[in-house]
């Protein structure tokens, strides 16, 4: 009995396989890996999403913070929002979630936890930090057409964003903001001006601060307040030193 010359229908075509270059095979494997990674990122999103809104809401973010073992006021959570380019404070959309976690190559909680430490290093680079600092202000604009933030919120935000780098300046400026009565809110120009102040002004002497260099008026007032405090301290200290020397 003669054997059939017809090939079985599921057998691999050796010609097609032979024509596949290493680059084609790499692209195919890479494409599959990307799809799998995106599926895991989406699955992770579903762990925190509010089903009614389709977004991760403040409650979901609080649970996320618990899972990655950071406080919800930790600056790294704000950095994560920056990486996602999140638009609404306290909420992450699926698109934002995908953008951030794909950039961080984090498709599991364990990977995300490790990625947050690397994210700190990324943000600390000067160009990135300037963008992050500006974003932090915009992220807190919760109302449509809002252009300024109340003093209490600004004081909290300064501690979170600048506290690790410029704590003496932040503590001093926050003390001023809480005692003065001229300003109820802070705008973007004033916010950015304080970062420049931290980077350029000698603190606490302020001996290189020049009010003619187009600083925001609130910083001129702050420096004047600081110098008055320093002068008062010197007047109180000098008699004690003279008494001790005699």
C-alpha atoms as a PDB file:
ATOM      1  CA  UNK A   1       0.000   0.000   0.000  1.00  0.00           C
ATOM      2  CA  UNK A   2       1.482   3.364  -1.069  1.00  0.00           C
ATOM      3  CA  UNK A   3       2.122   6.018   1.588  1.00  0.00           C
ATOM      4  CA  UNK A   4       0.279   9.303   1.152  1.00  0.00           C
ATOM      5  CA  UNK A   5       2.517  12.179   0.071  1.00  0.00           C
ATOM      6  CA  UNK A   6       0.255  14.673   1.780  1.00  0.00           C
ATOM      7  CA  UNK A   7       1.782  16.306   4.927  1.00  0.00           C
ATOM      8  CA  UNK A   8      -0.187  16.275   8.136  1.00  0.00           C
ATOM      9  CA  UNK A   9      -1.974  19.582   8.719  1.00  0.00           C
ATOM     10  CA  UNK A  10      -0.355  20.699  12.042  1.00  0.00           C
ATOM     11  CA  UNK A  11       3.226  20.010  11.027  1.00  0.00           C
ATOM     12  CA  UNK A  12       5.574  22.994  11.136  1.00  0.00           C
ATOM     13  CA  UNK A  13       6.652  24.430   7.816  1.00  0.00           C
ATOM     14  CA  UNK A  14      10.452  24.093   7.760  1.00  0.00           C
ATOM     15  CA  UNK A  15      10.738  26.741   5.038  1.00  0.00           C
ATOM     16  CA  UNK A  16       8.972  29.406   7.149  1.00  0.00           C
ATOM     17  CA  UNK A  17      11.088  28.517  10.191  1.00  0.00           C
ATOM     18  CA  UNK A  18      14.269  28.615   8.155  1.00  0.00           C
ATOM     19  CA  UNK A  19      13.388  32.064   6.821  1.00  0.00           C
ATOM     20  CA  UNK A  20      12.940  33.515  10.339  1.00  0.00           C
ATOM     21  CA  UNK A  21      15.991  35.548  11.256  1.00  0.00           C
ATOM     22  CA  UNK A  22      17.295  35.887  14.837  1.00  0.00           C
ATOM     23  CA  UNK A  23      15.940  39.453  14.816  1.00  0.00           C
ATOM     24  CA  UNK A  24      12.445  38.196  13.900  1.00  0.00           C
ATOM     25  CA  UNK A  25      12.543  35.614  16.660  1.00  0.00           C
ATOM     26  CA  UNK A  26      13.742  38.217  19.186  1.00  0.00           C
ATOM     27  CA  UNK A  27      10.993  40.628  18.183  1.00  0.00           C
ATOM     28  CA  UNK A  28       8.378  37.930  18.540  1.00  0.00           C
ATOM     29  CA  UNK A  29       9.614  36.905  22.002  1.00  0.00           C
ATOM     30  CA  UNK A  30       9.952  40.545  23.063  1.00  0.00           C
ATOM     31  CA  UNK A  31       6.427  41.348  21.893  1.00  0.00           C
ATOM     32  CA  UNK A  32       5.018  38.431  23.866  1.00  0.00           C
ATOM     33  CA  UNK A  33       6.953  39.501  26.968  1.00  0.00           C
ATOM     34  CA  UNK A  34       5.606  43.057  26.684  1.00  0.00           C
ATOM     35  CA  UNK A  35       2.055  41.758  26.383  1.00  0.00           C
ATOM     36  CA  UNK A  36       2.495  39.545  29.429  1.00  0.00           C
ATOM     37  CA  UNK A  37       3.997  42.413  31.409  1.00  0.00           C
ATOM     38  CA  UNK A  38       1.074  44.670  30.503  1.00  0.00           C
ATOM     39  CA  UNK A  39      -1.376  41.957  31.557  1.00  0.00           C
ATOM     40  CA  UNK A  40       0.295  41.728  34.976  1.00  0.00           C
ATOM     41  CA  UNK A  41       0.272  45.532  35.324  1.00  0.00           C
ATOM     42  CA  UNK A  42      -3.448  45.589  34.489  1.00  0.00           C
ATOM     43  CA  UNK A  43      -4.109  42.752  36.919  1.00  0.00           C
ATOM     44  CA  UNK A  44      -2.331  44.691  39.656  1.00  0.00           C
ATOM     45  CA  UNK A  45      -4.460  47.739  38.840  1.00  0.00           C
ATOM     46  CA  UNK A  46      -7.583  45.673  39.441  1.00  0.00           C
ATOM     47  CA  UNK A  47      -6.378  44.949  42.988  1.00  0.00           C
ATOM     48  CA  UNK A  48      -6.824  48.608  43.926  1.00  0.00           C
ATOM     49  CA  UNK A  49      -9.401  49.995  41.500  1.00  0.00           C
ATOM     50  CA  UNK A  50     -12.745  51.347  42.614  1.00  0.00           C
ATOM     51  CA  UNK A  51     -15.193  49.427  40.415  1.00  0.00           C
ATOM     52  CA  UNK A  52     -17.730  52.236  40.204  1.00  0.00           C
ATOM     53  CA  UNK A  53     -15.298  54.915  38.987  1.00  0.00           C
ATOM     54  CA  UNK A  54     -12.832  52.678  37.146  1.00  0.00           C
ATOM     55  CA  UNK A  55      -9.964  54.497  38.890  1.00  0.00           C
ATOM     56  CA  UNK A  56      -7.750  53.888  41.895  1.00  0.00           C
ATOM     57  CA  UNK A  57      -9.186  56.281  44.471  1.00  0.00           C
ATOM     58  CA  UNK A  58      -7.756  57.542  47.805  1.00  0.00           C
ATOM     59  CA  UNK A  59      -8.807  54.312  49.548  1.00  0.00           C
ATOM     60  CA  UNK A  60      -7.039  52.252  46.879  1.00  0.00           C
ATOM     61  CA  UNK A  61      -3.911  54.391  47.155  1.00  0.00           C
ATOM     62  CA  UNK A  62      -3.934  53.921  50.919  1.00  0.00           C
ATOM     63  CA  UNK A  63      -4.026  50.141  50.406  1.00  0.00           C
ATOM     64  CA  UNK A  64      -1.224  50.419  47.839  1.00  0.00           C
ATOM     65  CA  UNK A  65       0.870  52.350  50.365  1.00  0.00           C
ATOM     66  CA  UNK A  66       0.284  49.605  52.918  1.00  0.00           C
ATOM     67  CA  UNK A  67       1.354  46.916  50.434  1.00  0.00           C
ATOM     68  CA  UNK A  68       4.597  48.688  49.454  1.00  0.00           C
ATOM     69  CA  UNK A  69       5.156  49.581  53.128  1.00  0.00           C
ATOM     70  CA  UNK A  70       5.324  53.366  52.856  1.00  0.00           C
ATOM     71  CA  UNK A  71       3.211  56.018  54.544  1.00  0.00           C
ATOM     72  CA  UNK A  72       0.664  57.797  52.353  1.00  0.00           C
ATOM     73  CA  UNK A  73       2.492  61.081  53.094  1.00  0.00           C
ATOM     74  CA  UNK A  74       5.833  59.633  51.931  1.00  0.00           C
ATOM     75  CA  UNK A  75       7.366  61.694  49.125  1.00  0.00           C
ATOM     76  CA  UNK A  76       7.835  58.520  47.079  1.00  0.00           C
ATOM     77  CA  UNK A  77       4.081  58.253  46.549  1.00  0.00           C
ATOM     78  CA  UNK A  78       4.111  61.760  45.109  1.00  0.00           C
ATOM     79  CA  UNK A  79       7.072  60.719  42.956  1.00  0.00           C
ATOM     80  CA  UNK A  80       5.055  57.747  41.728  1.00  0.00           C
ATOM     81  CA  UNK A  81       2.206  60.090  40.758  1.00  0.00           C
ATOM     82  CA  UNK A  82       4.793  62.231  38.930  1.00  0.00           C
ATOM     83  CA  UNK A  83       6.075  59.192  37.052  1.00  0.00           C
ATOM     84  CA  UNK A  84       2.517  58.324  36.046  1.00  0.00           C
ATOM     85  CA  UNK A  85       1.824  61.964  35.115  1.00  0.00           C
ATOM     86  CA  UNK A  86      -1.316  61.653  37.217  1.00  0.00           C
ATOM     87  CA  UNK A  87      -3.629  64.619  36.741  1.00  0.00           C
ATOM     88  CA  UNK A  88      -6.105  64.352  39.612  1.00  0.00           C
ATOM     89  CA  UNK A  89      -4.871  64.336  43.192  1.00  0.00           C
ATOM     90  CA  UNK A  90      -5.641  61.056  44.956  1.00  0.00           C
ATOM     91  CA  UNK A  91      -6.665  59.187  41.796  1.00  0.00           C
ATOM     92  CA  UNK A  92      -4.873  57.014  39.238  1.00  0.00           C
ATOM     93  CA  UNK A  93      -6.466  56.067  35.917  1.00  0.00           C
ATOM     94  CA  UNK A  94      -5.573  52.836  34.117  1.00  0.00           C
ATOM     95  CA  UNK A  95      -3.674  54.798  31.473  1.00  0.00           C
ATOM     96  CA  UNK A  96      -1.653  56.631  34.133  1.00  0.00           C
ATOM     97  CA  UNK A  97      -1.011  53.388  36.008  1.00  0.00           C
ATOM     98  CA  UNK A  98       0.231  51.670  32.861  1.00  0.00           C
ATOM     99  CA  UNK A  99       2.463  54.627  31.960  1.00  0.00           C
ATOM    100  CA  UNK A 100       4.129  54.719  35.362  1.00  0.00           C
ATOM    101  CA  UNK A 101       4.578  51.025  35.986  1.00  0.00           C
ATOM    102  CA  UNK A 102       5.798  50.315  32.453  1.00  0.00           C
ATOM    103  CA  UNK A 103       8.420  53.040  32.859  1.00  0.00           C
ATOM    104  CA  UNK A 104       9.456  51.532  36.203  1.00  0.00           C
ATOM    105  CA  UNK A 105       9.371  47.948  34.824  1.00  0.00           C
ATOM    106  CA  UNK A 106       7.249  47.028  37.827  1.00  0.00           C
ATOM    107  CA  UNK A 107       4.509  44.473  37.237  1.00  0.00           C
ATOM    108  CA  UNK A 108       4.367  43.109  40.797  1.00  0.00           C
ATOM    109  CA  UNK A 109       4.199  44.707  44.225  1.00  0.00           C
ATOM    110  CA  UNK A 110       7.687  43.409  45.010  1.00  0.00           C
ATOM    111  CA  UNK A 111       9.123  45.072  41.902  1.00  0.00           C
ATOM    112  CA  UNK A 112       7.234  48.285  42.599  1.00  0.00           C
ATOM    113  CA  UNK A 113       8.567  48.383  46.143  1.00  0.00           C
ATOM    114  CA  UNK A 114      12.143  48.152  44.841  1.00  0.00           C
ATOM    115  CA  UNK A 115      11.449  50.606  42.027  1.00  0.00           C
ATOM    116  CA  UNK A 116      10.432  53.336  44.474  1.00  0.00           C
ATOM    117  CA  UNK A 117      13.994  53.501  45.813  1.00  0.00           C
ATOM    118  CA  UNK A 118      15.363  53.849  42.282  1.00  0.00           C
ATOM    119  CA  UNK A 119      12.719  56.473  41.570  1.00  0.00           C
ATOM    120  CA  UNK A 120      14.091  58.591  44.420  1.00  0.00           C
ATOM    121  CA  UNK A 121      17.500  58.558  42.729  1.00  0.00           C
ATOM    122  CA  UNK A 122      15.962  59.485  39.392  1.00  0.00           C
ATOM    123  CA  UNK A 123      14.039  62.428  40.850  1.00  0.00           C
ATOM    124  CA  UNK A 124      17.110  63.693  42.734  1.00  0.00           C
ATOM    125  CA  UNK A 125      18.844  64.577  39.446  1.00  0.00           C
ATOM    126  CA  UNK A 126      18.568  68.394  39.044  1.00  0.00           C
ATOM    127  CA  UNK A 127      16.499  68.559  35.813  1.00  0.00           C
ATOM    128  CA  UNK A 128      14.124  65.876  37.091  1.00  0.00           C
ATOM    129  CA  UNK A 129      13.791  67.458  40.518  1.00  0.00           C
ATOM    130  CA  UNK A 130      12.864  70.823  39.031  1.00  0.00           C
ATOM    131  CA  UNK A 131      10.112  69.142  37.016  1.00  0.00           C
ATOM    132  CA  UNK A 132       8.970  67.124  40.031  1.00  0.00           C
ATOM    133  CA  UNK A 133       8.897  70.186  42.282  1.00  0.00           C
ATOM    134  CA  UNK A 134       6.763  72.065  39.772  1.00  0.00           C
ATOM    135  CA  UNK A 135       4.501  69.023  39.338  1.00  0.00           C
ATOM    136  CA  UNK A 136       3.979  68.729  43.100  1.00  0.00           C
ATOM    137  CA  UNK A 137       2.365  72.173  43.111  1.00  0.00           C
ATOM    138  CA  UNK A 138       0.164  71.515  40.075  1.00  0.00           C
ATOM    139  CA  UNK A 139      -0.919  68.146  41.491  1.00  0.00           C
ATOM    140  CA  UNK A 140      -2.358  69.940  44.523  1.00  0.00           C
ATOM    141  CA  UNK A 141      -4.528  72.231  42.422  1.00  0.00           C
ATOM    142  CA  UNK A 142      -7.749  70.341  42.992  1.00  0.00           C
ATOM    143  CA  UNK A 143     -10.280  72.829  41.610  1.00  0.00           C
ATOM    144  CA  UNK A 144     -10.833  73.965  38.034  1.00  0.00           C
ATOM    145  CA  UNK A 145      -8.953  77.203  37.232  1.00  0.00           C
ATOM    146  CA  UNK A 146      -7.296  77.089  40.686  1.00  0.00           C
ATOM    147  CA  UNK A 147      -3.919  78.844  40.613  1.00  0.00           C
ATOM    148  CA  UNK A 148      -2.913  79.021  44.270  1.00  0.00           C
ATOM    149  CA  UNK A 149      -2.776  76.793  47.366  1.00  0.00           C
ATOM    150  CA  UNK A 150      -3.686  77.677  50.932  1.00  0.00           C
ATOM    151  CA  UNK A 151      -0.895  78.291  53.447  1.00  0.00           C
ATOM    152  CA  UNK A 152      -1.627  75.231  55.595  1.00  0.00           C
ATOM    153  CA  UNK A 153      -1.413  72.866  52.615  1.00  0.00           C
ATOM    154  CA  UNK A 154       1.724  74.593  51.321  1.00  0.00           C
ATOM    155  CA  UNK A 155       3.447  74.121  54.683  1.00  0.00           C
ATOM    156  CA  UNK A 156       2.702  70.392  54.592  1.00  0.00           C
ATOM    157  CA  UNK A 157       3.809  70.111  50.964  1.00  0.00           C
ATOM    158  CA  UNK A 158       7.093  71.912  51.618  1.00  0.00           C
ATOM    159  CA  UNK A 159       7.989  69.436  54.356  1.00  0.00           C
ATOM    160  CA  UNK A 160       7.198  66.470  52.092  1.00  0.00           C
ATOM    161  CA  UNK A 161       8.958  67.745  48.968  1.00  0.00           C
ATOM    162  CA  UNK A 162      11.922  69.721  50.337  1.00  0.00           C
ATOM    163  CA  UNK A 163      12.284  68.463  53.902  1.00  0.00           C
ATOM    164  CA  UNK A 164      14.943  65.866  53.148  1.00  0.00           C
ATOM    165  CA  UNK A 165      17.200  68.375  51.346  1.00  0.00           C
ATOM    166  CA  UNK A 166      16.539  71.740  52.970  1.00  0.00           C
ATOM    167  CA  UNK A 167      14.947  71.104  56.346  1.00  0.00           C
ATOM    168  CA  UNK A 168      16.415  74.212  58.123  1.00  0.00           C
ATOM    169  CA  UNK A 169      15.146  76.509  55.364  1.00  0.00           C
ATOM    170  CA  UNK A 170      11.781  74.749  55.237  1.00  0.00           C
ATOM    171  CA  UNK A 171      11.291  74.911  59.014  1.00  0.00           C
ATOM    172  CA  UNK A 172      12.153  78.599  59.052  1.00  0.00           C
ATOM    173  CA  UNK A 173       9.931  79.497  56.092  1.00  0.00           C
ATOM    174  CA  UNK A 174       7.029  77.460  57.463  1.00  0.00           C
ATOM    175  CA  UNK A 175       7.362  79.293  60.789  1.00  0.00           C
ATOM    176  CA  UNK A 176       7.180  82.595  58.916  1.00  0.00           C
ATOM    177  CA  UNK A 177       4.167  81.536  56.870  1.00  0.00           C
ATOM    178  CA  UNK A 178       2.298  80.507  60.009  1.00  0.00           C
ATOM    179  CA  UNK A 179       2.952  83.807  61.811  1.00  0.00           C
ATOM    180  CA  UNK A 180       2.471  86.341  58.978  1.00  0.00           C
ATOM    181  CA  UNK A 181      -0.938  87.718  58.003  1.00  0.00           C
ATOM    182  CA  UNK A 182      -0.260  89.181  54.552  1.00  0.00           C
ATOM    183  CA  UNK A 183      -0.615  85.980  52.532  1.00  0.00           C
ATOM    184  CA  UNK A 184      -3.449  83.455  52.629  1.00  0.00           C
ATOM    185  CA  UNK A 185      -2.336  81.477  49.590  1.00  0.00           C
ATOM    186  CA  UNK A 186       0.835  80.743  47.593  1.00  0.00           C
ATOM    187  CA  UNK A 187       1.028  80.788  43.788  1.00  0.00           C
ATOM    188  CA  UNK A 188       3.365  78.932  41.421  1.00  0.00           C
ATOM    189  CA  UNK A 189       5.826  81.840  41.074  1.00  0.00           C
ATOM    190  CA  UNK A 190       6.230  82.039  44.858  1.00  0.00           C
ATOM    191  CA  UNK A 191       6.512  78.249  45.100  1.00  0.00           C
ATOM    192  CA  UNK A 192       9.271  78.072  42.491  1.00  0.00           C
ATOM    193  CA  UNK A 193      10.973  81.107  44.013  1.00  0.00           C
ATOM    194  CA  UNK A 194      11.429  79.318  47.317  1.00  0.00           C
ATOM    195  CA  UNK A 195      13.263  76.443  45.636  1.00  0.00           C
ATOM    196  CA  UNK A 196      15.622  78.938  44.024  1.00  0.00           C
ATOM    197  CA  UNK A 197      16.049  80.578  47.437  1.00  0.00           C
ATOM    198  CA  UNK A 198      17.067  77.226  48.974  1.00  0.00           C
ATOM    199  CA  UNK A 199      19.546  76.588  46.177  1.00  0.00           C
ATOM    200  CA  UNK A 200      21.143  80.054  46.037  1.00  0.00           C
ATOM    201  CA  UNK A 201      20.802  81.899  49.347  1.00  0.00           C
ATOM    202  CA  UNK A 202      23.391  81.344  52.081  1.00  0.00           C
ATOM    203  CA  UNK A 203      21.446  80.077  55.061  1.00  0.00           C
ATOM    204  CA  UNK A 204      21.034  81.157  57.790  1.00  0.00           C
ATOM    205  CA  UNK A 205      23.258  84.231  57.259  1.00  0.00           C
ATOM    206  CA  UNK A 206      21.431  85.301  54.069  1.00  0.00           C
ATOM    207  CA  UNK A 207      24.420  87.568  53.417  1.00  0.00           C
ATOM    208  CA  UNK A 208      24.173  87.081  49.644  1.00  0.00           C
ATOM    209  CA  UNK A 209      20.440  87.692  49.372  1.00  0.00           C
ATOM    210  CA  UNK A 210      19.745  90.719  47.179  1.00  0.00           C
ATOM    211  CA  UNK A 211      16.108  91.898  47.009  1.00  0.00           C
ATOM    212  CA  UNK A 212      16.911  93.668  43.729  1.00  0.00           C
ATOM    213  CA  UNK A 213      17.309  90.306  41.984  1.00  0.00           C
ATOM    214  CA  UNK A 214      13.575  89.993  41.235  1.00  0.00           C
ATOM    215  CA  UNK A 215      12.653  87.636  44.044  1.00  0.00           C
ATOM    216  CA  UNK A 216       8.934  87.202  44.811  1.00  0.00           C
ATOM    217  CA  UNK A 217       7.878  89.844  47.333  1.00  0.00           C
ATOM    218  CA  UNK A 218       6.953  87.198  49.887  1.00  0.00           C
ATOM    219  CA  UNK A 219      10.627  86.146  50.024  1.00  0.00           C
ATOM    220  CA  UNK A 220      11.757  89.731  50.516  1.00  0.00           C
ATOM    221  CA  UNK A 221       9.343  89.918  53.441  1.00  0.00           C
ATOM    222  CA  UNK A 222      10.539  86.571  54.771  1.00  0.00           C
ATOM    223  CA  UNK A 223      14.205  87.614  54.640  1.00  0.00           C
ATOM    224  CA  UNK A 224      13.363  90.870  56.421  1.00  0.00           C
ATOM    225  CA  UNK A 225      11.554  88.833  59.109  1.00  0.00           C
ATOM    226  CA  UNK A 226      14.580  86.549  59.425  1.00  0.00           C
ATOM    227  CA  UNK A 227      17.023  89.428  59.782  1.00  0.00           C
ATOM    228  CA  UNK A 228      14.869  91.069  62.453  1.00  0.00           C
ATOM    229  CA  UNK A 229      14.867  87.807  64.402  1.00  0.00           C
ATOM    230  CA  UNK A 230      18.636  87.491  64.063  1.00  0.00           C
ATOM    231  CA  UNK A 231      19.144  91.108  65.159  1.00  0.00           C
ATOM    232  CA  UNK A 232      16.901  90.596  68.183  1.00  0.00           C
ATOM    233  CA  UNK A 233      18.785  87.444  69.110  1.00  0.00           C
ATOM    234  CA  UNK A 234      22.105  89.284  68.910  1.00  0.00           C
ATOM    235  CA  UNK A 235      20.844  92.117  71.113  1.00  0.00           C
ATOM    236  CA  UNK A 236      19.705  89.622  73.719  1.00  0.00           C
ATOM    237  CA  UNK A 237      22.891  87.564  73.570  1.00  0.00           C
ATOM    238  CA  UNK A 238      25.422  90.426  73.683  1.00  0.00           C
ATOM    239  CA  UNK A 239      24.675  91.593  77.273  1.00  0.00           C
ATOM    240  CA  UNK A 240      25.038  88.013  78.515  1.00  0.00           C
ATOM    241  CA  UNK A 241      28.415  87.676  76.814  1.00  0.00           C
ATOM    242  CA  UNK A 242      29.580  91.000  78.286  1.00  0.00           C
ATOM    243  CA  UNK A 243      28.441  89.935  81.757  1.00  0.00           C
ATOM    244  CA  UNK A 244      30.277  86.605  81.462  1.00  0.00           C
ATOM    245  CA  UNK A 245      33.474  88.307  80.258  1.00  0.00           C
ATOM    246  CA  UNK A 246      33.512  90.598  83.307  1.00  0.00           C
END
